[in-house]
Protein backbone atom coordinates (compact mmCIF):
# COMPACT_ATOMS: atom_id res chain seq x y z
CA UNK A 1 -190.87 180.54 84.11
CA UNK A 2 -188.51 181.22 87.01
CA UNK A 3 -189.37 184.43 88.88
CA UNK A 4 -186.72 187.15 89.30
CA UNK A 5 -188.28 188.55 92.51
CA UNK A 6 -185.80 189.61 95.17
CA UNK A 7 -185.50 187.72 98.43
CA UNK A 8 -186.96 190.32 100.72
CA UNK A 9 -189.92 191.09 98.52
CA UNK A 10 -190.82 187.47 99.15
CA UNK A 11 -189.52 186.72 102.62
CA UNK A 12 -189.78 190.00 104.46
CA UNK A 13 -192.33 191.94 102.44
CA UNK A 14 -195.09 189.43 103.24
CA UNK A 15 -195.57 190.27 106.89
CA UNK A 16 -198.92 188.56 107.23
CA UNK A 17 -199.06 185.01 105.91
CA UNK A 18 -201.10 182.02 106.88
CA UNK A 19 -199.20 179.23 108.61
CA UNK A 20 -200.14 176.92 105.73
CA UNK A 21 -198.61 179.22 103.13
CA UNK A 22 -195.48 179.61 105.21
CA UNK A 23 -195.17 175.84 105.51
CA UNK A 24 -195.37 175.49 101.75
CA UNK A 25 -192.40 177.73 100.94
CA UNK A 26 -188.80 176.93 100.09
CA UNK A 27 -187.80 180.19 101.83
CA UNK A 28 -186.45 182.68 99.26
CA UNK A 29 -187.04 180.34 96.32
CA UNK A 30 -190.81 180.09 96.30
CA UNK A 31 -191.03 179.37 92.59
CA UNK A 32 -189.46 175.93 93.05
CA UNK A 33 -192.26 173.49 92.26
CA UNK A 34 -192.51 170.91 95.06
CA UNK A 35 -192.89 167.25 94.25
CA UNK A 36 -195.66 164.87 95.32
CA UNK A 37 -194.12 163.98 98.70
CA UNK A 38 -194.04 165.64 102.07
CA UNK A 39 -190.53 165.92 103.52
CA UNK A 40 -189.23 164.27 106.65
CA UNK A 41 -186.07 165.24 108.51
CA UNK A 42 -184.18 163.17 111.06
CA UNK A 43 -180.75 162.97 112.63
CA UNK A 44 -178.54 160.28 114.07
CA UNK A 45 -175.06 160.06 115.52
CA UNK A 46 -173.16 156.90 114.66
CA UNK A 47 -169.55 156.08 115.51
CA UNK A 48 -167.14 155.09 112.77
CA UNK A 49 -165.43 152.14 114.43
CA UNK A 50 -162.59 152.19 111.90
CA UNK A 51 -161.33 155.65 112.95
CA UNK A 52 -160.29 157.35 116.17
CA UNK A 53 -160.16 161.06 116.85
CA UNK A 54 -156.73 161.28 118.43
CA UNK A 55 -154.08 159.35 120.37
CA UNK A 56 -155.21 157.99 123.77
CA UNK A 57 -152.61 160.08 125.62
CA UNK A 58 -151.39 163.65 125.26
CA UNK A 59 -147.82 164.91 124.82
CA UNK A 60 -147.07 164.34 128.52
CA UNK A 61 -148.51 160.82 128.55
CA UNK A 62 -151.68 161.81 130.39
CA UNK A 63 -154.94 160.06 129.43
CA UNK A 64 -156.93 162.13 126.97
CA UNK A 65 -160.65 162.27 127.84
CA UNK A 66 -161.60 163.05 124.23
CA UNK A 67 -159.97 159.90 122.90
CA UNK A 68 -162.46 157.72 121.09
CA UNK A 69 -164.06 156.72 117.85
CA UNK A 70 -164.97 159.27 115.22
CA UNK A 71 -168.63 160.31 115.55
CA UNK A 72 -170.53 160.77 112.30
CA UNK A 73 -173.45 163.15 112.81
CA UNK A 74 -175.93 162.25 110.10
CA UNK A 75 -178.80 164.39 108.80
CA UNK A 76 -181.41 162.78 106.55
CA UNK A 77 -184.05 164.41 104.35
CA UNK A 78 -186.45 161.92 102.79
CA UNK A 79 -189.93 161.58 101.29
CA UNK A 80 -192.55 161.51 104.04
CA UNK A 81 -195.97 159.93 104.15
CA UNK A 82 -197.96 163.10 104.87
CA UNK A 83 -197.59 166.82 105.53
CA UNK A 84 -199.07 166.38 109.02
CA UNK A 85 -196.72 163.64 110.22
CA UNK A 86 -193.92 164.67 112.56
CA UNK A 87 -193.19 168.14 113.93
CA UNK A 88 -193.29 171.33 111.88
CA UNK A 89 -189.90 173.04 111.62
CA UNK A 90 -188.58 176.55 111.12
CA UNK A 91 -185.27 177.37 109.52
CA UNK A 92 -183.93 178.11 112.98
CA UNK A 93 -184.52 174.48 113.93
CA UNK A 94 -181.59 173.56 111.69
CA UNK A 95 -179.17 175.70 113.69
CA UNK A 96 -178.56 173.23 116.54
CA UNK A 97 -176.78 171.05 113.99
CA UNK A 98 -173.94 173.57 114.13
CA UNK A 99 -173.13 172.27 117.62
CA UNK A 100 -172.17 168.95 116.05
CA UNK A 101 -168.62 170.23 115.74
CA UNK A 102 -168.19 169.59 119.44
CA UNK A 103 -171.05 167.41 120.61
CA UNK A 104 -174.72 166.48 120.19
CA UNK A 105 -177.35 168.87 118.96
CA UNK A 106 -177.78 171.90 121.21
CA UNK A 107 -181.06 172.24 123.12
CA UNK A 108 -182.72 175.12 124.90
CA UNK A 109 -182.86 178.90 124.41
CA UNK A 110 -179.27 179.55 125.50
CA UNK A 111 -177.89 176.87 123.23
CA UNK A 112 -180.02 178.17 120.36
CA UNK A 113 -178.60 181.67 120.84
CA UNK A 114 -175.08 180.27 120.72
CA UNK A 115 -175.95 178.30 117.58
CA UNK A 116 -177.37 181.42 115.94
CA UNK A 117 -174.19 183.33 116.67
CA UNK A 118 -172.15 180.46 115.29
CA UNK A 119 -174.33 180.46 112.18
CA UNK A 120 -173.65 184.15 111.63
CA UNK A 121 -169.93 183.74 112.23
CA UNK A 122 -169.73 180.80 109.82
CA UNK A 123 -170.54 182.90 106.77
CA UNK A 124 -169.95 186.48 107.95
CA UNK A 125 -166.62 186.82 106.10
CA UNK A 126 -168.61 186.42 102.87
CA UNK A 127 -171.89 187.93 104.03
CA UNK A 128 -170.80 191.05 105.85
CA UNK A 129 -172.40 192.54 108.95
CA UNK A 130 -175.77 190.87 109.65
CA UNK A 131 -179.06 192.71 110.03
CA UNK A 132 -180.48 191.19 113.20
CA UNK A 133 -184.20 191.75 112.46
CA UNK A 134 -183.73 190.00 109.14
CA UNK A 135 -181.91 187.13 110.85
CA UNK A 136 -184.74 186.84 113.39
CA UNK A 137 -187.34 186.67 110.64
CA UNK A 138 -185.32 184.03 108.81
CA UNK A 139 -185.03 181.92 111.96
CA UNK A 140 -188.80 181.92 112.37
CA UNK A 141 -189.59 181.07 108.76
CA UNK A 142 -191.23 177.68 108.22
CA UNK A 143 -189.39 175.15 106.09
CA UNK A 144 -190.79 172.28 104.08
CA UNK A 145 -189.27 169.56 106.25
CA UNK A 146 -190.99 168.09 109.30
CA UNK A 147 -188.97 166.57 112.11
CA UNK A 148 -189.22 162.77 112.40
CA UNK A 149 -192.10 162.52 109.94
CA UNK A 150 -193.17 159.00 109.01
CA UNK A 151 -191.26 157.93 105.87
CA UNK A 152 -193.22 157.38 102.69
CA UNK A 153 -193.50 153.74 101.62
CA UNK A 154 -191.34 152.50 98.78
CA UNK A 155 -187.69 152.65 97.73
CA UNK A 156 -185.99 155.92 96.78
CA UNK A 157 -182.64 156.85 95.20
CA UNK A 158 -180.03 158.38 97.49
CA UNK A 159 -177.89 161.50 97.24
CA UNK A 160 -174.83 161.53 99.52
CA UNK A 161 -173.88 165.17 100.04
CA UNK A 162 -170.61 166.88 101.02
CA UNK A 163 -170.97 170.40 102.53
CA UNK A 164 -168.50 173.20 101.86
CA UNK A 165 -165.38 173.49 103.99
CA UNK A 166 -166.33 173.73 107.66
CA UNK A 167 -170.03 173.98 106.84
CA UNK A 168 -172.82 172.06 108.65
CA UNK A 169 -174.96 169.30 107.23
CA UNK A 170 -177.78 171.72 106.33
CA UNK A 171 -175.64 174.00 104.13
CA UNK A 172 -177.97 173.31 101.17
CA UNK A 173 -181.18 172.43 102.98
CA UNK A 174 -183.38 174.10 100.35
CA UNK A 175 -182.00 171.81 97.65
CA UNK A 176 -182.36 168.82 99.99
CA UNK A 177 -186.00 169.57 100.80
CA UNK A 178 -186.76 170.13 97.12
CA UNK A 179 -185.19 166.81 96.10
CA UNK A 180 -186.87 164.93 98.96
CA UNK A 181 -190.25 166.25 97.87
CA UNK A 182 -189.52 164.74 94.45
CA UNK A 183 -188.67 161.31 95.81
CA UNK A 184 -184.99 161.37 96.81
CA UNK A 185 -183.29 160.60 100.10
CA UNK A 186 -180.49 163.04 100.93
CA UNK A 187 -177.90 162.22 103.60
CA UNK A 188 -175.21 164.62 104.80
CA UNK A 189 -172.71 165.03 107.61
CA UNK A 190 -170.95 168.24 108.70
CA UNK A 191 -167.60 169.11 107.15
CA UNK A 192 -165.20 168.44 110.01
CA UNK A 193 -161.51 167.63 110.08
CA UNK A 194 -159.73 164.44 111.13
CA UNK A 195 -160.07 165.39 114.82
CA UNK A 196 -163.79 166.21 114.36
CA UNK A 197 -162.88 169.91 114.63
CA UNK A 198 -162.04 172.50 112.04
CA UNK A 199 -161.65 171.22 108.48
CA UNK A 200 -158.08 171.81 107.21
CA UNK A 201 -157.36 172.62 103.59
CA UNK A 202 -154.98 169.73 103.03
CA UNK A 203 -154.88 166.03 102.23
CA UNK A 204 -155.88 165.08 105.79
CA UNK A 205 -159.04 167.16 105.48
CA UNK A 206 -159.90 165.77 102.06
CA UNK A 207 -159.39 162.23 103.31
CA UNK A 208 -161.57 162.88 106.38
CA UNK A 209 -164.52 164.18 104.37
CA UNK A 210 -164.19 161.51 101.70
CA UNK A 211 -164.22 158.77 104.32
CA UNK A 212 -167.27 160.39 105.92
CA UNK A 213 -169.03 160.13 102.54
CA UNK A 214 -168.02 156.48 102.30
CA UNK A 215 -169.42 155.94 105.79
CA UNK A 216 -172.71 157.57 104.74
CA UNK A 217 -172.90 155.27 101.72
CA UNK A 218 -172.66 152.36 104.13
CA UNK A 219 -175.17 153.91 106.54
CA UNK A 220 -177.88 154.21 103.88
CA UNK A 221 -177.80 150.44 103.50
CA UNK A 222 -179.63 150.36 106.84
CA UNK A 223 -182.45 152.71 105.73
CA UNK A 224 -185.46 150.62 104.64
CA UNK A 225 -186.58 153.26 102.14
CA UNK A 226 -183.15 153.68 100.51
CA UNK A 227 -182.43 152.12 97.14
CA UNK A 228 -178.78 151.49 97.98
CA UNK A 229 -177.91 150.55 94.40
CA UNK A 230 -178.96 154.00 93.15
CA UNK A 231 -176.53 156.36 94.86
CA UNK A 232 -175.39 159.74 93.61
CA UNK A 233 -173.13 162.25 95.29
CA UNK A 234 -172.93 166.03 95.28
CA UNK A 235 -170.88 168.66 97.02
CA UNK A 236 -170.55 172.41 97.35
CA UNK A 237 -167.15 174.15 97.13
CA UNK A 238 -164.55 171.97 98.95
CA UNK A 239 -167.24 169.31 99.20
CA UNK A 240 -167.39 169.19 95.40
CA UNK A 241 -163.81 167.92 95.41
CA UNK A 242 -164.53 165.36 98.14
CA UNK A 243 -167.57 164.07 96.28
CA UNK A 244 -165.52 163.42 93.14
CA UNK A 245 -162.84 161.55 95.09
CA UNK A 246 -165.62 159.58 96.80
CA UNK A 247 -167.08 158.60 93.42
CA UNK A 248 -163.66 157.51 92.21
CA UNK A 249 -163.26 155.23 95.23
CA UNK A 250 -166.79 153.86 95.59
CA UNK A 251 -168.23 151.71 92.81
CA UNK A 252 -171.88 152.14 93.92
CA UNK A 253 -171.85 155.85 93.05
CA UNK A 254 -173.64 156.33 89.73
CA UNK A 255 -173.44 160.09 89.26
CA UNK A 256 -171.57 163.15 90.62
CA UNK A 257 -172.62 166.80 90.98
CA UNK A 258 -170.18 169.64 91.72
CA UNK A 259 -171.81 172.84 92.94
CA UNK A 260 -169.10 175.36 92.04
CA UNK A 261 -166.69 172.90 93.61
CA UNK A 262 -162.95 173.39 93.96
CA UNK A 263 -162.51 170.77 91.26
CA UNK A 264 -161.21 173.63 89.11
CA UNK A 265 -159.03 175.30 91.75
CA UNK A 266 -155.30 174.72 91.28
CA UNK A 267 -154.34 174.47 94.96
CA UNK A 268 -157.17 172.06 95.73
CA UNK A 269 -156.33 169.91 92.73
CA UNK A 270 -152.73 169.71 93.90
CA UNK A 271 -154.01 168.29 97.20
CA UNK A 272 -156.35 165.84 95.44
CA UNK A 273 -153.63 164.55 93.12
CA UNK A 274 -151.76 163.14 96.11
CA UNK A 275 -154.46 160.43 96.24
CA UNK A 276 -153.84 157.47 93.92
CA UNK A 277 -157.53 157.21 92.99
CA UNK A 278 -157.78 160.83 91.92
CA UNK A 279 -157.07 160.27 88.25
CA UNK A 280 -159.45 161.84 85.70
CA UNK A 281 -159.51 158.82 83.39
CA UNK A 282 -160.77 156.66 86.26
CA UNK A 283 -164.05 158.61 86.35
CA UNK A 284 -166.66 156.64 84.42
CA UNK A 285 -169.97 158.03 85.76
CA UNK A 286 -171.91 161.11 84.56
CA UNK A 287 -170.68 164.40 86.03
CA UNK A 288 -172.68 167.63 86.37
CA UNK A 289 -170.52 170.71 86.98
CA UNK A 290 -172.10 174.01 88.03
CA UNK A 291 -169.94 177.13 87.88
CA UNK A 292 -170.37 180.82 88.32
CA UNK A 293 -169.93 183.02 85.26
CA UNK A 294 -166.31 183.97 84.50
CA UNK A 295 -166.84 187.63 85.40
CA UNK A 296 -167.69 186.79 89.03
CA UNK A 297 -165.86 183.47 89.44
CA UNK A 298 -162.83 183.10 91.66
CA UNK A 299 -159.84 183.78 89.35
CA UNK A 300 -158.11 180.75 90.85
CA UNK A 301 -160.98 178.49 89.74
CA UNK A 302 -159.92 178.17 86.14
CA UNK A 303 -157.90 174.94 86.09
CA UNK A 304 -159.74 172.74 83.61
CA UNK A 305 -157.14 169.94 83.61
CA UNK A 306 -159.17 167.35 85.51
CA UNK A 307 -162.34 168.01 83.54
CA UNK A 308 -160.52 168.04 80.21
CA UNK A 309 -158.91 164.68 80.97
CA UNK A 310 -162.04 162.99 82.34
CA UNK A 311 -162.78 161.71 78.84
CA UNK A 312 -164.63 158.56 79.89
CA UNK A 313 -167.28 160.39 81.90
CA UNK A 314 -170.25 162.13 80.32
CA UNK A 315 -169.95 165.72 81.50
CA UNK A 316 -172.65 168.37 81.66
CA UNK A 317 -171.49 171.94 82.28
CA UNK A 318 -173.89 174.60 83.55
CA UNK A 319 -172.65 178.18 83.80
CA UNK A 320 -175.04 180.22 85.93
CA UNK A 321 -174.83 184.02 85.48
CA UNK A 322 -175.94 186.14 88.41
CA UNK A 323 -174.63 183.67 90.99
CA UNK A 324 -171.46 184.16 92.99
CA UNK A 325 -169.70 181.23 94.63
CA UNK A 326 -171.62 181.42 97.90
CA UNK A 327 -174.98 181.54 96.12
CA UNK A 328 -174.62 177.82 95.30
CA UNK A 329 -175.32 176.92 98.95
CA UNK A 330 -178.67 177.99 100.37
CA UNK A 331 -177.29 178.56 103.89
CA UNK A 332 -174.59 181.01 102.81
CA UNK A 333 -176.92 182.67 100.32
CA UNK A 334 -179.63 183.20 102.93
CA UNK A 335 -177.21 184.75 105.39
CA UNK A 336 -175.79 187.08 102.76
CA UNK A 337 -179.34 188.19 101.98
CA UNK A 338 -179.79 188.99 105.66
CA UNK A 339 -176.69 191.18 105.82
CA UNK A 340 -176.98 194.94 105.94
CA UNK A 341 -175.51 195.23 102.47
CA UNK A 342 -177.62 192.35 101.19
CA UNK A 343 -180.96 193.94 102.08
CA UNK A 344 -180.48 196.65 99.46
CA UNK A 345 -179.16 194.29 96.78
CA UNK A 346 -181.21 192.98 93.87
CA UNK A 347 -181.19 189.19 94.34
CA UNK A 348 -183.46 188.35 91.41
CA UNK A 349 -180.70 186.90 89.18
CA UNK A 350 -179.20 184.84 92.02
CA UNK A 351 -182.68 183.63 92.99
CA UNK A 352 -183.47 182.52 89.46
CA UNK A 353 -180.03 180.94 89.20
CA UNK A 354 -180.45 178.82 92.31
CA UNK A 355 -183.90 177.72 91.18
CA UNK A 356 -182.35 176.64 87.88
CA UNK A 357 -179.60 174.77 89.75
CA UNK A 358 -182.23 172.85 91.74
CA UNK A 359 -184.28 172.07 88.63
CA UNK A 360 -181.27 170.91 86.59
CA UNK A 361 -180.02 168.81 89.52
CA UNK A 362 -183.39 167.07 89.67
CA UNK A 363 -183.41 166.46 85.91
CA UNK A 364 -179.86 165.09 86.05
CA UNK A 365 -180.65 162.72 88.92
CA UNK A 366 -183.88 161.58 87.27
CA UNK A 367 -181.88 160.76 84.12
CA UNK A 368 -179.04 158.89 85.78
CA UNK A 369 -180.47 157.48 89.02
CA UNK A 370 -184.01 156.79 87.89
CA UNK A 371 -183.01 155.86 84.34
CA UNK A 372 -185.71 158.11 82.92
CA UNK A 373 -183.67 158.90 79.82
CA UNK A 374 -181.86 162.09 78.89
CA UNK A 375 -183.96 165.18 78.35
CA UNK A 376 -183.20 168.61 77.01
CA UNK A 377 -183.13 171.23 79.80
CA UNK A 378 -186.50 172.90 80.22
CA UNK A 379 -187.03 176.46 79.02
CA UNK A 380 -186.84 177.73 82.61
CA UNK A 381 -183.30 176.36 82.89
CA UNK A 382 -182.26 177.38 79.39
CA UNK A 383 -183.36 180.96 80.06
CA UNK A 384 -181.05 181.17 83.08
CA UNK A 385 -178.10 178.80 82.51
CA UNK A 386 -175.77 178.01 79.66
CA UNK A 387 -175.80 174.21 79.55
CA UNK A 388 -173.58 171.98 77.42
CA UNK A 389 -172.92 168.24 77.44
CA UNK A 390 -169.82 166.33 76.34
CA UNK A 391 -170.45 162.68 75.59
CA UNK A 392 -168.20 160.10 77.22
CA UNK A 393 -165.58 158.41 75.08
CA UNK A 394 -165.46 154.62 75.07
CA UNK A 395 -163.17 153.65 77.94
CA UNK A 396 -160.56 150.95 77.42
CA UNK A 397 -160.81 147.74 79.45
CA UNK A 398 -159.05 147.56 82.77
CA UNK A 399 -156.86 144.76 84.16
CA UNK A 400 -159.85 143.72 86.25
CA UNK A 401 -161.91 143.46 83.05
CA UNK A 402 -159.20 141.25 81.53
CA UNK A 403 -159.21 138.88 84.51
CA UNK A 404 -163.01 138.71 84.50
CA UNK A 405 -163.16 137.96 80.76
CA UNK A 406 -160.42 135.35 81.20
CA UNK A 407 -162.46 133.66 83.92
CA UNK A 408 -165.85 133.87 82.21
CA UNK A 409 -165.05 133.75 78.49
CA UNK A 410 -161.71 131.98 78.26
CA UNK A 411 -158.19 132.69 77.08
CA UNK A 412 -158.91 133.57 73.40
CA UNK A 413 -161.44 136.27 74.34
CA UNK A 414 -159.17 137.73 77.04
CA UNK A 415 -156.22 137.75 74.64
CA UNK A 416 -158.23 139.60 72.00
CA UNK A 417 -159.47 142.10 74.60
CA UNK A 418 -155.93 143.04 75.63
CA UNK A 419 -154.52 143.08 72.10
CA UNK A 420 -157.31 145.40 70.92
CA UNK A 421 -156.91 147.68 73.94
CA UNK A 422 -153.14 147.93 73.42
CA UNK A 423 -153.69 149.03 69.81
CA UNK A 424 -156.46 151.55 70.47
CA UNK A 425 -155.05 152.89 73.77
CA UNK A 426 -151.27 152.33 73.81
CA UNK A 427 -150.95 154.31 77.03
CA UNK A 428 -152.90 151.65 78.99
CA UNK A 429 -150.83 148.67 77.84
CA UNK A 430 -148.48 148.78 80.83
CA UNK A 431 -151.42 148.55 83.23
CA UNK A 432 -152.05 144.96 82.09
CA UNK A 433 -148.57 143.67 82.91
CA UNK A 434 -149.28 142.60 86.48
CA UNK A 435 -152.63 140.97 85.68
CA UNK A 436 -151.26 139.03 82.69
CA UNK A 437 -148.24 137.74 84.57
CA UNK A 438 -150.49 136.84 87.51
CA UNK A 439 -152.67 134.82 85.15
CA UNK A 440 -149.60 133.18 83.60
CA UNK A 441 -148.31 131.93 86.94
CA UNK A 442 -151.82 130.77 87.86
CA UNK A 443 -151.78 128.60 84.71
CA UNK A 444 -148.33 127.29 85.59
CA UNK A 445 -149.53 126.41 89.08
CA UNK A 446 -152.41 124.33 87.70
CA UNK A 447 -150.34 122.59 85.04
CA UNK A 448 -151.76 124.53 82.08
CA UNK A 449 -148.30 125.11 80.61
CA UNK A 450 -149.41 125.84 77.05
CA UNK A 451 -151.89 128.48 78.27
CA UNK A 452 -149.19 130.02 80.45
CA UNK A 453 -146.86 130.28 77.45
CA UNK A 454 -149.62 131.81 75.30
CA UNK A 455 -150.61 134.48 77.77
CA UNK A 456 -147.04 135.41 78.75
CA UNK A 457 -146.10 135.64 75.07
CA UNK A 458 -148.97 138.13 74.78
CA UNK A 459 -147.36 140.19 77.55
CA UNK A 460 -144.07 140.28 75.64
CA UNK A 461 -145.99 141.25 72.48
CA UNK A 462 -147.74 144.30 73.99
CA UNK A 463 -144.81 145.25 76.26
CA UNK A 464 -141.68 144.51 74.24
CA UNK A 465 -139.40 146.23 76.79
CA UNK A 466 -140.78 144.44 79.85
CA UNK A 467 -138.03 142.51 81.64
CA UNK A 468 -140.61 140.78 83.82
CA UNK A 469 -142.58 139.56 80.78
CA UNK A 470 -139.53 137.98 79.12
CA UNK A 471 -138.30 136.48 82.38
CA UNK A 472 -141.72 134.97 83.15
CA UNK A 473 -142.07 133.62 79.61
CA UNK A 474 -138.65 131.98 79.98
CA UNK A 475 -139.89 130.25 83.13
CA UNK A 476 -142.96 128.96 81.27
CA UNK A 477 -140.83 127.62 78.40
CA UNK A 478 -138.52 125.99 80.92
CA UNK A 479 -141.50 124.28 82.55
CA UNK A 480 -142.52 122.97 79.13
CA UNK A 481 -139.00 121.64 78.48
CA UNK A 482 -138.51 124.00 75.50
CA UNK A 483 -134.91 124.87 76.42
CA UNK A 484 -133.99 126.88 73.32
CA UNK A 485 -137.00 129.16 73.66
CA UNK A 486 -136.41 129.47 77.40
CA UNK A 487 -132.79 130.47 76.76
CA UNK A 488 -133.87 133.07 74.18
CA UNK A 489 -136.36 134.59 76.64
CA UNK A 490 -133.84 134.86 79.47
CA UNK A 491 -131.21 136.38 77.16
CA UNK A 492 -133.89 138.80 76.00
CA UNK A 493 -134.58 139.74 79.61
CA UNK A 494 -130.86 140.42 80.21
CA UNK A 495 -130.66 142.55 77.06
CA UNK A 496 -133.63 144.62 78.20
CA UNK A 497 -132.01 145.09 81.59
CA UNK A 498 -128.96 146.63 79.97
CA UNK A 499 -131.18 149.16 78.18
CA UNK A 500 -133.22 150.04 81.24
CA UNK A 501 -132.71 153.35 83.00
CA UNK A 502 -133.85 154.28 86.46
CA UNK A 503 -132.83 151.03 88.15
CA UNK A 504 -130.07 151.12 90.74
CA UNK A 505 -126.95 149.10 90.02
CA UNK A 506 -127.81 146.78 92.91
CA UNK A 507 -131.32 146.08 91.62
CA UNK A 508 -130.10 145.54 88.09
CA UNK A 509 -127.38 143.15 89.34
CA UNK A 510 -130.03 141.18 91.26
CA UNK A 511 -132.15 140.68 88.11
CA UNK A 512 -129.10 139.74 86.04
CA UNK A 513 -128.07 137.17 88.64
CA UNK A 514 -131.54 135.64 88.54
CA UNK A 515 -131.42 135.32 84.74
CA UNK A 516 -127.91 133.87 84.91
CA UNK A 517 -129.08 131.21 87.35
CA UNK A 518 -131.87 130.25 84.96
CA UNK A 519 -129.46 130.12 82.02
CA UNK A 520 -127.11 127.93 84.05
CA UNK A 521 -130.00 125.58 84.83
CA UNK A 522 -130.79 125.37 81.11
CA UNK A 523 -127.17 124.52 80.30
CA UNK A 524 -127.16 121.82 82.96
CA UNK A 525 -130.33 120.28 81.54
CA UNK A 526 -128.74 120.15 78.09
CA UNK A 527 -125.75 118.25 79.46
CA UNK A 528 -128.08 115.55 80.62
């Protein structure tokens, strides 16, 4: 049963605790059951050689000292061999990661003070005026992770995480430590913009964070303990949108989790739709969507269009009453609890909600990354969240599927695949045009004229208004010496051209001239 105790009755009310007990806590969420592993934490800075921060010279042509490759500051939480390996950490030991916006981790008392101020300023607009004694106590609180602890032996699934807009890599460290204790590796990088500075709310920012996630997916290939074929992704707020785009662009991703992400926010969706991969029907992996209850949710976060259209992805929805948007990230939640207004607030519902989020996330990952089989949410989750699941519809084959079946199973099987898809999903028929015509010309190039005719005739069958299909079929008939059929196909192409709208007069004239040349060649052959 998840406890409803408030944060300060747990964190601040226990003034005298043994160091062991403090080390065993997940801060405010002490009812989270840890897994069998200790937790190690490590960092690394790696340059992305495919990206640069800025132009080598400034507006006046002067050399720019900051010119260089994009640094990716990586934080890793992973199962550790023992609870005594490595260095014990407090929550304050995460703060130097805030300095990653401008350089390496900060060191020393002065740098730590700057990092603490930056931490407060990061979330203050949502948290309100901080209570300094509460902040001090939070900074000294032990966390589960231990710095540079020896990794546990074995292979573990990976979660690639996207923080909220402008947030550091540790923005959900409680969730990360919890998952690592249960046998997951979590990797994250700070949310920084294209110039490694402030994250902008536009397509450039979304592209920057998505490419960072792609870089992290490559980085985990180098971790000996990482099972790089079992990768999931998750993100909070703006990071929830980046994680979905990442999953749509990266075939290794097997599951996606949105922690009250902007996947339902109209302005953010408008930005995401500028990316060709961001199409709901392209999503084919299980999706877990956490949202706040409607009475406290952002009114702008009500656009269900992407989720409604993602029909080929199994989708689990979890509505969590008692949690506001910034309660879905442990960093922002902790700081709000340390505000002057937050001290007097009853946090029991938000505490229980976050514990349920962690538990359901673990169940979801166990199901889809560890293949443990679907399970009904436990009573602890059911008592806190409203959880529903929509099964995935059978997705139609793609052009890539057609080409693979053609190569591995032969022309009859590929033909049947496309014909069936065109009947069951008429809206996808046009997507096969390029692949079918490509295959037809490949057959022509290798002398398989009959196969070329068969497959291009299929294209005309499923796309009766395609000029390209009729023109290509005419070429195949011409290669076979079937002049009458070739002539019919070219005349058909010209007829379709006359009915087409949207083509400029110049483009249409070019296609007509091409067909006329072919018809003239047919007439010349007949004269012989």
